[in-house]
Amino acid sequence: MTRIVHLSDIHVSSAHFLTDVAESVVQGVNEISPDILVITGDLTQNGSHQEYIEAKEWIDRIDCRNKVIVPGNHDSRNVGYLLFEDIIGARYSCCSLDGVTVVGVDSSQPDIDDGHIGREMYGWIAEKFNPEEKDFRIFTLHHHLIPVPMTGREEEIPEDSGDVLELLNRCNVDLVLCGHRHVPWVWKLNDMFVLNAGTACSNKIKARTTQCYNLIEIEKDGERNNGWRIRAYHVIPTGERTLIVDTTMNKDQTENYI
C-alpha cells in the first residue's frame, strides 16, 4: 500500500498561521508515516523570505522522503516564486514510487490570484505520464480545476482549466489533488477523481469548515489486472478521519464511489 498525505494552504505568517494546530498536523502526519507528501501551495501568505524560511522549517519536521510541493498564488507574490525555487525546490516535479506517479505543476502567476498552467507545459505533463506504464496517476496543482461548493462567487479557476482537464483525461490520470479554496471537496469526472483540500493549519477557514488535510491510500487490486483500490479520507488536526472515497479503479471502470 502507498500512503499519500495531501496538505494545502498553510499560509505561514504572523496573521494566519496557527502554531498549535500546525503542531498537531505535524504529529498526526508523522504518525501516518506517508510514503509521499504532497503540498499544493500557499505555503506562505506574502511570499517573503522569512515566511519561506519558517515554512521550510515546518515542512522539514514531517518525516517523509518523497515530497511533491508546488507553489500557490500567495507564494508567487513579491517575486516569491524565485524564493520558492531557492528554498523549497523546483516548481515542477515528478515522483514515482511503487507504481504510483505524482506530477506537480505551478499554476500560479506573479502577483495575480488567477490560475494558469499554460499550453507550453502540456507536452511536459503528457511526457511524465508515460502511456506505456500501467501506473496510478496523480496530478497536483494549487488552483481548483472545477468549482468548489460553499466557497462563494466563483473566481480564480485556471484560465485554461478546460484544456487541462481534457489533457488529464487523455493521459488517463486517476486523481487530481488541489487546494486554493480552503474547502474540502471531491468530484468525479469521467473516471477521474478531483480532490480539494481545506487549509491545513491557518485561520483562513470558510463557513462551516475547519482545518483539515487529505489522506489517500492506494494499493493494487489483486482480483483485477491493472486494477487499483483507493481510499481517501479528510483528516482534521486532532486525527479524526472521514472516509470520502472507497473505490476500485482500472482504466475502463470505476465502482463503489462513496
Protein backbone atom coordinates (compact mmCIF):
# COMPACT_ATOMS: atom_id res chain seq x y z
CA MET A 1 0.00 0.00 0.00
CA THR A 2 1.13 3.54 -0.80
CA ARG A 3 0.02 6.25 1.62
CA ILE A 4 -0.10 9.87 0.46
CA VAL A 5 -0.77 12.84 2.72
CA HIS A 6 -2.05 15.92 0.91
CA LEU A 7 -1.67 19.28 2.67
CA SER A 8 -2.55 22.69 1.29
CA ASP A 9 -2.83 26.38 2.13
CA ILE A 10 -0.60 26.59 5.18
CA HIS A 11 -0.25 30.39 4.94
CA VAL A 12 2.78 30.82 7.20
CA SER A 13 2.56 34.36 8.61
CA SER A 14 2.01 36.10 11.91
CA ALA A 15 -1.59 36.86 10.94
CA HIS A 16 -2.83 33.46 9.75
CA PHE A 17 -0.58 30.56 10.80
CA LEU A 18 -1.96 28.67 13.82
CA THR A 19 1.07 27.27 15.65
CA ASP A 20 -0.82 24.85 17.90
CA VAL A 21 -2.85 23.45 15.02
CA ALA A 22 0.30 23.17 12.89
CA GLU A 23 1.98 21.18 15.67
CA SER A 24 -0.94 18.76 15.74
CA VAL A 25 -0.76 18.38 11.96
CA VAL A 26 2.95 17.51 12.08
CA GLN A 27 2.38 14.93 14.81
CA GLY A 28 -0.59 13.42 13.01
CA VAL A 29 1.14 13.19 9.66
CA ASN A 30 4.23 11.61 11.22
CA GLU A 31 2.01 9.02 12.89
CA ILE A 32 0.55 8.17 9.48
CA SER A 33 4.11 7.86 8.12
CA PRO A 34 3.24 8.65 4.50
CA ASP A 35 5.21 7.32 1.56
CA ILE A 36 4.62 10.56 -0.36
CA LEU A 37 3.84 14.05 0.93
CA VAL A 38 2.02 16.41 -1.43
CA ILE A 39 1.64 20.12 -0.60
CA THR A 40 -0.45 22.07 -3.09
CA GLY A 41 0.69 25.59 -2.49
CA ASP A 42 0.21 28.71 -0.41
CA LEU A 43 2.97 27.75 1.96
CA THR A 44 3.28 31.48 2.71
CA GLN A 45 0.98 34.48 2.88
CA ASN A 46 3.10 37.08 1.11
CA GLY A 47 5.97 35.17 -0.47
CA SER A 48 8.52 36.79 1.83
CA HIS A 49 11.92 35.34 2.68
CA GLN A 50 11.13 34.94 6.39
CA GLU A 51 7.83 33.21 5.65
CA TYR A 52 9.59 30.79 3.32
CA ILE A 53 12.25 30.01 5.93
CA GLU A 54 9.59 29.27 8.54
CA ALA A 55 7.57 27.19 6.08
CA LYS A 56 10.65 25.16 5.15
CA GLU A 57 11.47 24.52 8.81
CA TRP A 58 7.91 23.33 9.43
CA ILE A 59 7.85 21.07 6.35
CA ASP A 60 11.21 19.57 7.27
CA ARG A 61 9.71 18.32 10.53
CA ILE A 62 7.46 15.99 8.54
CA ASP A 63 9.21 12.66 8.21
CA CYS A 64 8.76 11.74 4.56
CA ARG A 65 11.46 11.13 1.97
CA ASN A 66 9.30 11.75 -1.11
CA LYS A 67 7.76 15.21 -1.33
CA VAL A 68 5.96 16.93 -4.20
CA ILE A 69 5.44 20.61 -3.39
CA VAL A 70 4.06 23.25 -5.75
CA PRO A 71 3.60 26.98 -5.20
CA GLY A 72 0.30 28.81 -4.83
CA ASN A 73 -0.75 32.33 -5.76
CA HIS A 74 0.35 33.71 -2.36
CA ASP A 75 3.79 32.12 -2.79
CA SER A 76 4.30 33.99 -6.08
CA ARG A 77 3.61 37.41 -4.59
CA ASN A 78 6.51 39.87 -4.37
CA VAL A 79 8.60 37.72 -6.74
CA GLY A 80 8.24 34.93 -4.19
CA TYR A 81 8.34 32.26 -6.89
CA LEU A 82 12.11 32.81 -7.03
CA LEU A 83 12.38 32.22 -3.29
CA PHE A 84 10.30 29.08 -3.72
CA GLU A 85 12.96 27.75 -6.09
CA ASP A 86 15.80 28.82 -3.77
CA ILE A 87 14.34 27.48 -0.52
CA ILE A 88 11.74 24.81 -1.37
CA GLY A 89 12.82 23.47 -4.77
CA ALA A 90 11.61 23.12 -8.34
CA ARG A 91 8.16 24.49 -9.16
CA TYR A 92 7.52 21.50 -11.44
CA SER A 93 8.37 17.99 -10.28
CA CYS A 94 7.55 14.31 -10.61
CA CYS A 95 7.75 11.40 -8.17
CA SER A 96 7.26 7.69 -8.98
CA LEU A 97 7.04 5.09 -6.24
CA ASP A 98 5.68 1.53 -6.22
CA GLY A 99 3.56 2.03 -9.33
CA VAL A 100 2.23 5.45 -8.32
CA THR A 101 3.26 8.53 -10.32
CA VAL A 102 2.71 12.04 -8.94
CA VAL A 103 3.22 15.05 -11.23
CA GLY A 104 3.20 18.55 -9.73
CA VAL A 105 2.93 21.82 -11.66
CA ASP A 106 2.96 25.51 -10.80
CA SER A 107 -0.43 27.06 -11.59
CA SER A 108 0.40 30.46 -10.10
CA GLN A 109 1.24 33.77 -11.78
CA PRO A 110 3.26 36.58 -10.17
CA ASP A 111 1.03 38.97 -8.21
CA ILE A 112 -2.14 37.56 -9.83
CA ASP A 113 -4.56 35.32 -7.97
CA ASP A 114 -5.94 33.66 -11.12
CA GLY A 115 -4.61 30.24 -12.04
CA HIS A 116 -2.87 29.31 -15.31
CA ILE A 117 -0.94 26.23 -16.38
CA GLY A 118 -0.07 27.21 -19.96
CA ARG A 119 -0.03 25.17 -23.15
CA GLU A 120 3.78 25.26 -23.17
CA MET A 121 3.60 22.80 -20.25
CA TYR A 122 1.14 20.35 -21.79
CA GLY A 123 3.83 18.32 -23.56
CA TRP A 124 5.89 18.05 -20.37
CA ILE A 125 2.85 16.85 -18.41
CA ALA A 126 1.97 14.24 -21.05
CA GLU A 127 5.56 13.02 -21.13
CA LYS A 128 5.61 12.43 -17.38
CA PHE A 129 2.52 10.23 -17.65
CA ASN A 130 4.16 7.51 -19.72
CA PRO A 131 1.48 5.80 -21.86
CA GLU A 132 3.43 2.54 -21.72
CA GLU A 133 3.10 2.30 -17.96
CA LYS A 134 0.06 0.93 -16.10
CA ASP A 135 0.70 3.15 -13.09
CA PHE A 136 -1.73 5.00 -10.84
CA ARG A 137 -1.55 8.62 -12.00
CA ILE A 138 -1.89 11.70 -9.81
CA PHE A 139 -1.75 15.32 -10.98
CA THR A 140 -1.21 18.08 -8.41
CA LEU A 141 -1.54 21.85 -8.60
CA HIS A 142 -2.65 24.69 -6.36
CA HIS A 143 -5.72 26.04 -8.15
CA HIS A 144 -9.00 24.17 -8.37
CA LEU A 145 -9.82 22.86 -11.85
CA ILE A 146 -13.55 22.53 -11.06
CA PRO A 147 -15.66 24.96 -8.99
CA VAL A 148 -15.98 24.05 -5.32
CA PRO A 149 -19.31 24.41 -3.46
CA MET A 150 -19.65 26.66 -0.40
CA THR A 151 -16.86 29.00 -1.49
CA GLY A 152 -18.91 31.97 -2.65
CA ARG A 153 -18.69 33.62 -6.04
CA GLU A 154 -16.56 31.56 -8.39
CA GLU A 155 -13.23 33.13 -9.28
CA GLU A 156 -9.59 32.36 -9.92
CA ILE A 157 -10.17 28.99 -11.57
CA PRO A 158 -7.31 28.36 -14.04
CA GLU A 159 -7.88 30.18 -17.30
CA ASP A 160 -7.10 27.02 -19.26
CA SER A 161 -8.84 24.54 -16.94
CA GLY A 162 -10.92 23.03 -19.75
CA ASP A 163 -7.86 22.26 -21.85
CA VAL A 164 -6.01 20.90 -18.81
CA LEU A 165 -8.91 18.60 -17.88
CA GLU A 166 -9.01 17.28 -21.45
CA LEU A 167 -5.26 16.67 -21.31
CA LEU A 168 -5.52 14.82 -18.00
CA ASN A 169 -8.40 12.73 -19.31
CA ARG A 170 -6.34 11.85 -22.39
CA CYS A 171 -3.40 10.90 -20.16
CA ASN A 172 -5.64 8.58 -18.11
CA VAL A 173 -5.00 10.47 -14.89
CA ASP A 174 -6.78 8.83 -11.96
CA LEU A 175 -6.64 11.54 -9.29
CA VAL A 176 -6.16 15.32 -9.15
CA LEU A 177 -5.07 16.96 -5.88
CA CYS A 178 -5.54 20.71 -5.44
CA GLY A 179 -6.36 23.41 -2.90
CA HIS A 180 -6.78 27.20 -3.05
CA ARG A 181 -10.43 27.47 -1.97
CA HIS A 182 -9.88 26.25 1.64
CA VAL A 183 -12.90 23.94 1.44
CA PRO A 184 -12.51 20.15 1.23
CA TRP A 185 -14.46 18.54 -1.58
CA VAL A 186 -14.35 15.66 -4.05
CA TRP A 187 -15.68 15.48 -7.60
CA LYS A 188 -15.76 12.55 -10.01
CA LEU A 189 -15.26 13.46 -13.68
CA ASN A 190 -15.36 10.53 -16.10
CA ASP A 191 -13.07 8.04 -14.31
CA MET A 192 -11.00 10.73 -12.57
CA PHE A 193 -11.41 11.99 -9.03
CA VAL A 194 -10.67 15.65 -8.23
CA LEU A 195 -9.89 16.05 -4.55
CA ASN A 196 -9.70 19.50 -2.98
CA ALA A 197 -8.02 20.03 0.38
CA GLY A 198 -9.01 22.53 3.03
CA THR A 199 -6.47 24.73 4.78
CA ALA A 200 -4.23 22.55 6.95
CA CYS A 201 -3.33 24.92 9.75
CA SER A 202 -4.36 28.53 9.08
CA ASN A 203 -7.25 30.61 10.38
CA LYS A 204 -8.50 31.23 6.83
CA ILE A 205 -11.41 28.79 7.02
CA LYS A 206 -14.82 29.30 5.47
CA ALA A 207 -18.36 28.91 6.80
CA ARG A 208 -18.84 25.52 8.49
CA THR A 209 -15.48 24.02 7.58
CA THR A 210 -12.44 23.52 9.79
CA GLN A 211 -8.74 22.90 9.29
CA CYS A 212 -8.10 19.55 7.61
CA TYR A 213 -5.96 17.62 5.15
CA ASN A 214 -6.32 14.54 2.96
CA LEU A 215 -5.02 11.01 3.35
CA ILE A 216 -5.02 8.76 0.28
CA GLU A 217 -4.33 5.02 0.42
CA ILE A 218 -3.58 3.24 -2.86
CA GLU A 219 -2.91 -0.43 -3.45
CA LYS A 220 -3.03 -2.93 -6.31
CA ASP A 221 -6.30 -4.82 -6.61
CA GLY A 222 -5.34 -8.48 -6.62
CA GLU A 223 -8.57 -9.53 -8.33
CA ARG A 224 -8.18 -7.25 -11.36
CA ASN A 225 -5.46 -6.86 -13.94
CA ASN A 226 -4.21 -3.26 -13.80
CA GLY A 227 -6.77 -2.53 -11.09
CA TRP A 228 -6.24 -0.24 -8.10
CA ARG A 229 -8.01 0.14 -4.77
CA ILE A 230 -8.15 3.72 -3.50
CA ARG A 231 -9.42 5.08 -0.21
CA ALA A 232 -9.39 8.78 0.62
CA TYR A 233 -10.09 10.49 3.93
CA HIS A 234 -10.50 14.01 5.22
CA VAL A 235 -8.41 14.25 8.39
CA ILE A 236 -8.75 17.01 10.99
CA PRO A 237 -5.70 18.03 13.06
CA THR A 238 -6.82 16.04 16.10
CA GLY A 239 -6.66 12.88 13.97
CA GLU A 240 -10.31 12.01 13.29
CA ARG A 241 -10.86 10.71 9.76
CA THR A 242 -13.88 10.84 7.45
CA LEU A 243 -13.93 8.38 4.56
CA ILE A 244 -14.84 10.17 1.32
CA VAL A 245 -13.78 7.72 -1.40
CA ASP A 246 -13.59 3.93 -1.33
CA THR A 247 -13.37 2.51 -4.83
CA THR A 248 -11.75 0.01 -7.13
CA MET A 249 -10.43 1.59 -10.30
CA ASN A 250 -9.00 0.48 -13.60
CA LYS A 251 -8.65 2.21 -16.95
CA ASP A 252 -12.10 1.11 -18.04
CA GLN A 253 -14.29 1.21 -14.95
CA THR A 254 -14.82 2.83 -11.54
CA GLU A 255 -17.18 1.49 -8.89
CA ASN A 256 -18.20 1.74 -5.23
CA TYR A 257 -17.94 5.53 -5.02
CA ILE A 258 -18.91 6.96 -1.64
